[in-house]
Amino acid sequence: MAALTIFLGAPLSPGHIIIVLAIILLLFGGKKIPELMKGLGSGVKEFKNASKDDQPADKKDETKE
């Protein structure tokens, strides 16, 4: 949150978040947002699986025991 404060110059209030969400809704429409969230979720899931595969061999052996 501190990074957002530095970047934006002020903390985000609930009003700011509502405005941003309204703009996103206007840009993409109500039907497209669930598809975007599904794609985002699958991307995060794939990233987690890839990061698990990148563990060093000695840590993989420890997790199996």
PDB file of N, CA and C in Angstrom:
ATOM      1  N   MET A   1       0.828  -1.185   0.000  1.00  0.00           N
ATOM      2  CA  MET A   1       0.000   0.000   0.000  1.00  0.00           C
ATOM      3  C   MET A   1       0.873   1.248   0.000  1.00  0.00           C
ATOM      4  N   ALA A   2       2.050   1.158   0.611  1.00  0.00           N
ATOM      5  CA  ALA A   2       2.948   2.307   0.648  1.00  0.00           C
ATOM      6  C   ALA A   2       3.417   2.663  -0.760  1.00  0.00           C
ATOM      7  N   ALA A   3       3.602   1.658  -1.608  1.00  0.00           N
ATOM      8  CA  ALA A   3       4.028   1.925  -2.981  1.00  0.00           C
ATOM      9  C   ALA A   3       2.954   2.706  -3.724  1.00  0.00           C
ATOM     10  N   LEU A   4       1.676   2.383  -3.491  1.00  0.00           N
ATOM     11  CA  LEU A   4       0.601   3.132  -4.129  1.00  0.00           C
ATOM     12  C   LEU A   4       0.567   4.571  -3.632  1.00  0.00           C
ATOM     13  N   THR A   5       0.833   4.758  -2.355  1.00  0.00           N
ATOM     14  CA  THR A   5       0.843   6.106  -1.800  1.00  0.00           C
ATOM     15  C   THR A   5       1.952   6.931  -2.436  1.00  0.00           C
ATOM     16  N   ILE A   6       3.115   6.322  -2.610  1.00  0.00           N
ATOM     17  CA  ILE A   6       4.231   7.035  -3.232  1.00  0.00           C
ATOM     18  C   ILE A   6       3.915   7.319  -4.697  1.00  0.00           C
ATOM     19  N   PHE A   7       3.358   6.330  -5.394  1.00  0.00           N
ATOM     20  CA  PHE A   7       3.072   6.480  -6.818  1.00  0.00           C
ATOM     21  C   PHE A   7       1.963   7.488  -7.081  1.00  0.00           C
ATOM     22  N   LEU A   8       0.891   7.410  -6.312  1.00  0.00           N
ATOM     23  CA  LEU A   8      -0.260   8.268  -6.548  1.00  0.00           C
ATOM     24  C   LEU A   8      -0.207   9.582  -5.771  1.00  0.00           C
ATOM     25  N   GLY A   9       0.564   9.635  -4.723  1.00  0.00           N
ATOM     26  CA  GLY A   9       0.664  10.845  -3.934  1.00  0.00           C
ATOM     27  C   GLY A   9      -0.334  10.906  -2.790  1.00  0.00           C
ATOM     28  N   ALA A  10      -1.315  10.027  -2.781  1.00  0.00           N
ATOM     29  CA  ALA A  10      -2.310   9.994  -1.704  1.00  0.00           C
ATOM     30  C   ALA A  10      -2.880   8.581  -1.627  1.00  0.00           C
ATOM     31  N   PRO A  11      -3.308   8.174  -0.450  1.00  0.00           N
ATOM     32  CA  PRO A  11      -3.901   6.835  -0.351  1.00  0.00           C
ATOM     33  C   PRO A  11      -5.234   6.756  -1.105  1.00  0.00           C
ATOM     34  N   LEU A  12      -5.563   5.565  -1.554  1.00  0.00           N
ATOM     35  CA  LEU A  12      -6.826   5.369  -2.271  1.00  0.00           C
ATOM     36  C   LEU A  12      -7.982   5.315  -1.279  1.00  0.00           C
ATOM     37  N   SER A  13      -9.008   6.057  -1.566  1.00  0.00           N
ATOM     38  CA  SER A  13     -10.203   6.018  -0.725  1.00  0.00           C
ATOM     39  C   SER A  13     -11.236   5.114  -1.407  1.00  0.00           C
ATOM     40  N   PRO A  14     -12.265   4.707  -0.682  1.00  0.00           N
ATOM     41  CA  PRO A  14     -13.305   3.879  -1.309  1.00  0.00           C
ATOM     42  C   PRO A  14     -13.953   4.568  -2.517  1.00  0.00           C
ATOM     43  N   GLY A  15     -14.035   5.886  -2.483  1.00  0.00           N
ATOM     44  CA  GLY A  15     -14.595   6.620  -3.620  1.00  0.00           C
ATOM     45  C   GLY A  15     -13.760   6.459  -4.880  1.00  0.00           C
ATOM     46  N   HIS A  16     -12.436   6.486  -4.722  1.00  0.00           N
ATOM     47  CA  HIS A  16     -11.542   6.292  -5.859  1.00  0.00           C
ATOM     48  C   HIS A  16     -11.714   4.901  -6.459  1.00  0.00           C
ATOM     49  N   ILE A  17     -11.801   3.916  -5.584  1.00  0.00           N
ATOM     50  CA  ILE A  17     -11.939   2.531  -6.054  1.00  0.00           C
ATOM     51  C   ILE A  17     -13.253   2.359  -6.805  1.00  0.00           C
ATOM     52  N   ILE A  18     -14.335   2.961  -6.320  1.00  0.00           N
ATOM     53  CA  ILE A  18     -15.636   2.867  -6.995  1.00  0.00           C
ATOM     54  C   ILE A  18     -15.573   3.515  -8.374  1.00  0.00           C
ATOM     55  N   ILE A  19     -14.898   4.647  -8.478  1.00  0.00           N
ATOM     56  CA  ILE A  19     -14.769   5.317  -9.773  1.00  0.00           C
ATOM     57  C   ILE A  19     -13.984   4.453 -10.752  1.00  0.00           C
ATOM     58  N   VAL A  20     -12.899   3.857 -10.304  1.00  0.00           N
ATOM     59  CA  VAL A  20     -12.091   2.999 -11.165  1.00  0.00           C
ATOM     60  C   VAL A  20     -12.901   1.792 -11.623  1.00  0.00           C
ATOM     61  N   LEU A  21     -13.643   1.173 -10.709  1.00  0.00           N
ATOM     62  CA  LEU A  21     -14.466   0.017 -11.078  1.00  0.00           C
ATOM     63  C   LEU A  21     -15.566   0.405 -12.066  1.00  0.00           C
ATOM     64  N   ALA A  22     -16.145   1.579 -11.906  1.00  0.00           N
ATOM     65  CA  ALA A  22     -17.173   2.049 -12.838  1.00  0.00           C
ATOM     66  C   ALA A  22     -16.587   2.265 -14.230  1.00  0.00           C
ATOM     67  N   ILE A  23     -15.391   2.817 -14.295  1.00  0.00           N
ATOM     68  CA  ILE A  23     -14.739   3.021 -15.593  1.00  0.00           C
ATOM     69  C   ILE A  23     -14.436   1.683 -16.255  1.00  0.00           C
ATOM     70  N   ILE A  24     -13.964   0.714 -15.481  1.00  0.00           N
ATOM     71  CA  ILE A  24     -13.693  -0.618 -16.028  1.00  0.00           C
ATOM     72  C   ILE A  24     -14.977  -1.241 -16.551  1.00  0.00           C
ATOM     73  N   LEU A  25     -16.067  -1.100 -15.812  1.00  0.00           N
ATOM     74  CA  LEU A  25     -17.354  -1.638 -16.240  1.00  0.00           C
ATOM     75  C   LEU A  25     -17.804  -0.985 -17.551  1.00  0.00           C
ATOM     76  N   LEU A  26     -17.612   0.310 -17.675  1.00  0.00           N
ATOM     77  CA  LEU A  26     -17.995   1.002 -18.908  1.00  0.00           C
ATOM     78  C   LEU A  26     -17.128   0.584 -20.094  1.00  0.00           C
ATOM     79  N   LEU A  27     -15.842   0.376 -19.847  1.00  0.00           N
ATOM     80  CA  LEU A  27     -14.943   0.013 -20.935  1.00  0.00           C
ATOM     81  C   LEU A  27     -15.175  -1.403 -21.452  1.00  0.00           C
ATOM     82  N   PHE A  28     -15.353  -2.347 -20.543  1.00  0.00           N
ATOM     83  CA  PHE A  28     -15.427  -3.742 -20.944  1.00  0.00           C
ATOM     84  C   PHE A  28     -16.840  -4.293 -21.003  1.00  0.00           C
ATOM     85  N   GLY A  29     -17.776  -3.722 -20.294  1.00  0.00           N
ATOM     86  CA  GLY A  29     -19.143  -4.227 -20.279  1.00  0.00           C
ATOM     87  C   GLY A  29     -19.309  -5.350 -19.276  1.00  0.00           C
ATOM     88  N   GLY A  30     -20.541  -5.587 -18.904  1.00  0.00           N
ATOM     89  CA  GLY A  30     -20.841  -6.575 -17.867  1.00  0.00           C
ATOM     90  C   GLY A  30     -20.597  -8.011 -18.287  1.00  0.00           C
ATOM     91  N   LYS A  31     -20.727  -8.308 -19.569  1.00  0.00           N
ATOM     92  CA  LYS A  31     -20.561  -9.692 -20.028  1.00  0.00           C
ATOM     93  C   LYS A  31     -19.097 -10.079 -20.168  1.00  0.00           C
ATOM     94  N   LYS A  32     -18.243  -9.125 -20.410  1.00  0.00           N
ATOM     95  CA  LYS A  32     -16.833  -9.430 -20.655  1.00  0.00           C
ATOM     96  C   LYS A  32     -16.026  -9.565 -19.366  1.00  0.00           C
ATOM     97  N   ILE A  33     -16.464  -8.936 -18.277  1.00  0.00           N
ATOM     98  CA  ILE A  33     -15.693  -8.929 -17.031  1.00  0.00           C
ATOM     99  C   ILE A  33     -15.518 -10.337 -16.440  1.00  0.00           C
ATOM    100  N   PRO A  34     -16.552 -11.202 -16.398  1.00  0.00           N
ATOM    101  CA  PRO A  34     -16.303 -12.554 -15.875  1.00  0.00           C
ATOM    102  C   PRO A  34     -15.269 -13.336 -16.694  1.00  0.00           C
ATOM    103  N   GLU A  35     -15.268 -13.128 -18.007  1.00  0.00           N
ATOM    104  CA  GLU A  35     -14.271 -13.798 -18.842  1.00  0.00           C
ATOM    105  C   GLU A  35     -12.863 -13.292 -18.517  1.00  0.00           C
ATOM    106  N   LEU A  36     -12.744 -11.990 -18.293  1.00  0.00           N
ATOM    107  CA  LEU A  36     -11.442 -11.423 -17.925  1.00  0.00           C
ATOM    108  C   LEU A  36     -10.960 -11.969 -16.585  1.00  0.00           C
ATOM    109  N   MET A  37     -11.865 -12.068 -15.611  1.00  0.00           N
ATOM    110  CA  MET A  37     -11.488 -12.575 -14.288  1.00  0.00           C
ATOM    111  C   MET A  37     -11.109 -14.055 -14.363  1.00  0.00           C
ATOM    112  N   LYS A  38     -11.810 -14.813 -15.202  1.00  0.00           N
ATOM    113  CA  LYS A  38     -11.485 -16.229 -15.373  1.00  0.00           C
ATOM    114  C   LYS A  38     -10.087 -16.375 -15.968  1.00  0.00           C
ATOM    115  N   GLY A  39      -9.779 -15.558 -16.958  1.00  0.00           N
ATOM    116  CA  GLY A  39      -8.450 -15.577 -17.557  1.00  0.00           C
ATOM    117  C   GLY A  39      -7.374 -15.163 -16.573  1.00  0.00           C
ATOM    118  N   LEU A  40      -7.667 -14.160 -15.760  1.00  0.00           N
ATOM    119  CA  LEU A  40      -6.717 -13.714 -14.748  1.00  0.00           C
ATOM    120  C   LEU A  40      -6.476 -14.811 -13.708  1.00  0.00           C
ATOM    121  N   GLY A  41      -7.549 -15.475 -13.292  1.00  0.00           N
ATOM    122  CA  GLY A  41      -7.419 -16.563 -12.311  1.00  0.00           C
ATOM    123  C   GLY A  41      -6.606 -17.724 -12.845  1.00  0.00           C
ATOM    124  N   SER A  42      -6.831 -18.088 -14.099  1.00  0.00           N
ATOM    125  CA  SER A  42      -6.060 -19.196 -14.674  1.00  0.00           C
ATOM    126  C   SER A  42      -4.602 -18.797 -14.855  1.00  0.00           C
ATOM    127  N   GLY A  43      -4.349 -17.525 -15.143  1.00  0.00           N
ATOM    128  CA  GLY A  43      -2.968 -17.064 -15.255  1.00  0.00           C
ATOM    129  C   GLY A  43      -2.239 -17.122 -13.924  1.00  0.00           C
ATOM    130  N   VAL A  44      -2.925 -16.739 -12.847  1.00  0.00           N
ATOM    131  CA  VAL A  44      -2.324 -16.808 -11.508  1.00  0.00           C
ATOM    132  C   VAL A  44      -2.065 -18.258 -11.121  1.00  0.00           C
ATOM    133  N   LYS A  45      -3.014 -19.133 -11.442  1.00  0.00           N
ATOM    134  CA  LYS A  45      -2.852 -20.559 -11.133  1.00  0.00           C
ATOM    135  C   LYS A  45      -1.655 -21.142 -11.886  1.00  0.00           C
ATOM    136  N   GLU A  46      -1.506 -20.790 -13.155  1.00  0.00           N
ATOM    137  CA  GLU A  46      -0.389 -21.264 -13.952  1.00  0.00           C
ATOM    138  C   GLU A  46       0.934 -20.734 -13.409  1.00  0.00           C
ATOM    139  N   PHE A  47       0.941 -19.474 -12.975  1.00  0.00           N
ATOM    140  CA  PHE A  47       2.147 -18.885 -12.394  1.00  0.00           C
ATOM    141  C   PHE A  47       2.553 -19.624 -11.131  1.00  0.00           C
ATOM    142  N   LYS A  48       1.585 -19.954 -10.272  1.00  0.00           N
ATOM    143  CA  LYS A  48       1.900 -20.685  -9.040  1.00  0.00           C
ATOM    144  C   LYS A  48       2.466 -22.060  -9.356  1.00  0.00           C
ATOM    145  N   ASN A  49       1.867 -22.747 -10.331  1.00  0.00           N
ATOM    146  CA  ASN A  49       2.373 -24.066 -10.707  1.00  0.00           C
ATOM    147  C   ASN A  49       3.785 -23.970 -11.269  1.00  0.00           C
ATOM    148  N   ALA A  50       4.052 -22.952 -12.066  1.00  0.00           N
ATOM    149  CA  ALA A  50       5.385 -22.786 -12.632  1.00  0.00           C
ATOM    150  C   ALA A  50       6.400 -22.461 -11.551  1.00  0.00           C
ATOM    151  N   SER A  51       6.005 -21.675 -10.554  1.00  0.00           N
ATOM    152  CA  SER A  51       6.947 -21.345  -9.484  1.00  0.00           C
ATOM    153  C   SER A  51       7.230 -22.560  -8.610  1.00  0.00           C
ATOM    154  N   LYS A  52       6.268 -23.464  -8.482  1.00  0.00           N
ATOM    155  CA  LYS A  52       6.516 -24.703  -7.737  1.00  0.00           C
ATOM    156  C   LYS A  52       7.500 -25.587  -8.501  1.00  0.00           C
ATOM    157  N   ASP A  53       7.399 -25.599  -9.822  1.00  0.00           N
ATOM    158  CA  ASP A  53       8.288 -26.420 -10.644  1.00  0.00           C
ATOM    159  C   ASP A  53       9.711 -25.884 -10.639  1.00  0.00           C
ATOM    160  N   ASP A  54       9.908 -24.620 -10.343  1.00  0.00           N
ATOM    161  CA  ASP A  54      11.230 -24.008 -10.373  1.00  0.00           C
ATOM    162  C   ASP A  54      11.991 -24.150  -9.066  1.00  0.00           C
ATOM    163  N   GLN A  55      11.456 -24.896  -8.108  1.00  0.00           N
ATOM    164  CA  GLN A  55      12.163 -25.084  -6.849  1.00  0.00           C
ATOM    165  C   GLN A  55      13.426 -25.888  -7.096  1.00  0.00           C
ATOM    166  N   PRO A  56      14.495 -25.609  -6.336  1.00  0.00           N
ATOM    167  CA  PRO A  56      15.719 -26.414  -6.466  1.00  0.00           C
ATOM    168  C   PRO A  56      15.453 -27.876  -6.122  1.00  0.00           C
ATOM    169  N   ALA A  57      16.263 -28.762  -6.660  1.00  0.00           N
ATOM    170  CA  ALA A  57      16.055 -30.202  -6.497  1.00  0.00           C
ATOM    171  C   ALA A  57      16.104 -30.620  -5.029  1.00  0.00           C
ATOM    172  N   ASP A  58      16.990 -30.029  -4.228  1.00  0.00           N
ATOM    173  CA  ASP A  58      17.073 -30.432  -2.829  1.00  0.00           C
ATOM    174  C   ASP A  58      15.823 -30.039  -2.042  1.00  0.00           C
ATOM    175  N   LYS A  59      15.165 -28.952  -2.385  1.00  0.00           N
ATOM    176  CA  LYS A  59      13.928 -28.568  -1.697  1.00  0.00           C
ATOM    177  C   LYS A  59      12.779 -29.455  -2.136  1.00  0.00           C
ATOM    178  N   LYS A  60      12.780 -29.909  -3.392  1.00  0.00           N
ATOM    179  CA  LYS A  60      11.714 -30.815  -3.838  1.00  0.00           C
ATOM    180  C   LYS A  60      11.775 -32.127  -3.062  1.00  0.00           C
ATOM    181  N   ASP A  61      12.985 -32.629  -2.795  1.00  0.00           N
ATOM    182  CA  ASP A  61      13.128 -33.874  -2.048  1.00  0.00           C
ATOM    183  C   ASP A  61      12.619 -33.708  -0.618  1.00  0.00           C
ATOM    184  N   GLU A  62      12.845 -32.565  -0.013  1.00  0.00           N
ATOM    185  CA  GLU A  62      12.418 -32.338   1.358  1.00  0.00           C
ATOM    186  C   GLU A  62      10.889 -32.271   1.435  1.00  0.00           C
ATOM    187  N   THR A  63      10.224 -31.722   0.419  1.00  0.00           N
ATOM    188  CA  THR A  63       8.789 -31.586   0.466  1.00  0.00           C
ATOM    189  C   THR A  63       8.073 -32.912   0.263  1.00  0.00           C
ATOM    190  N   LYS A  64       8.716 -33.890  -0.371  1.00  0.00           N
ATOM    191  CA  LYS A  64       8.105 -35.184  -0.607  1.00  0.00           C
ATOM    192  C   LYS A  64       8.074 -36.033   0.659  1.00  0.00           C
ATOM    193  N   GLU A  65       8.967 -35.772   1.581  1.00  0.00           N
ATOM    194  CA  GLU A  65       9.036 -36.602   2.791  1.00  0.00           C
ATOM    195  C   GLU A  65       8.013 -36.226   3.795  1.00  0.00           C
TER     196      GLU A  65
END
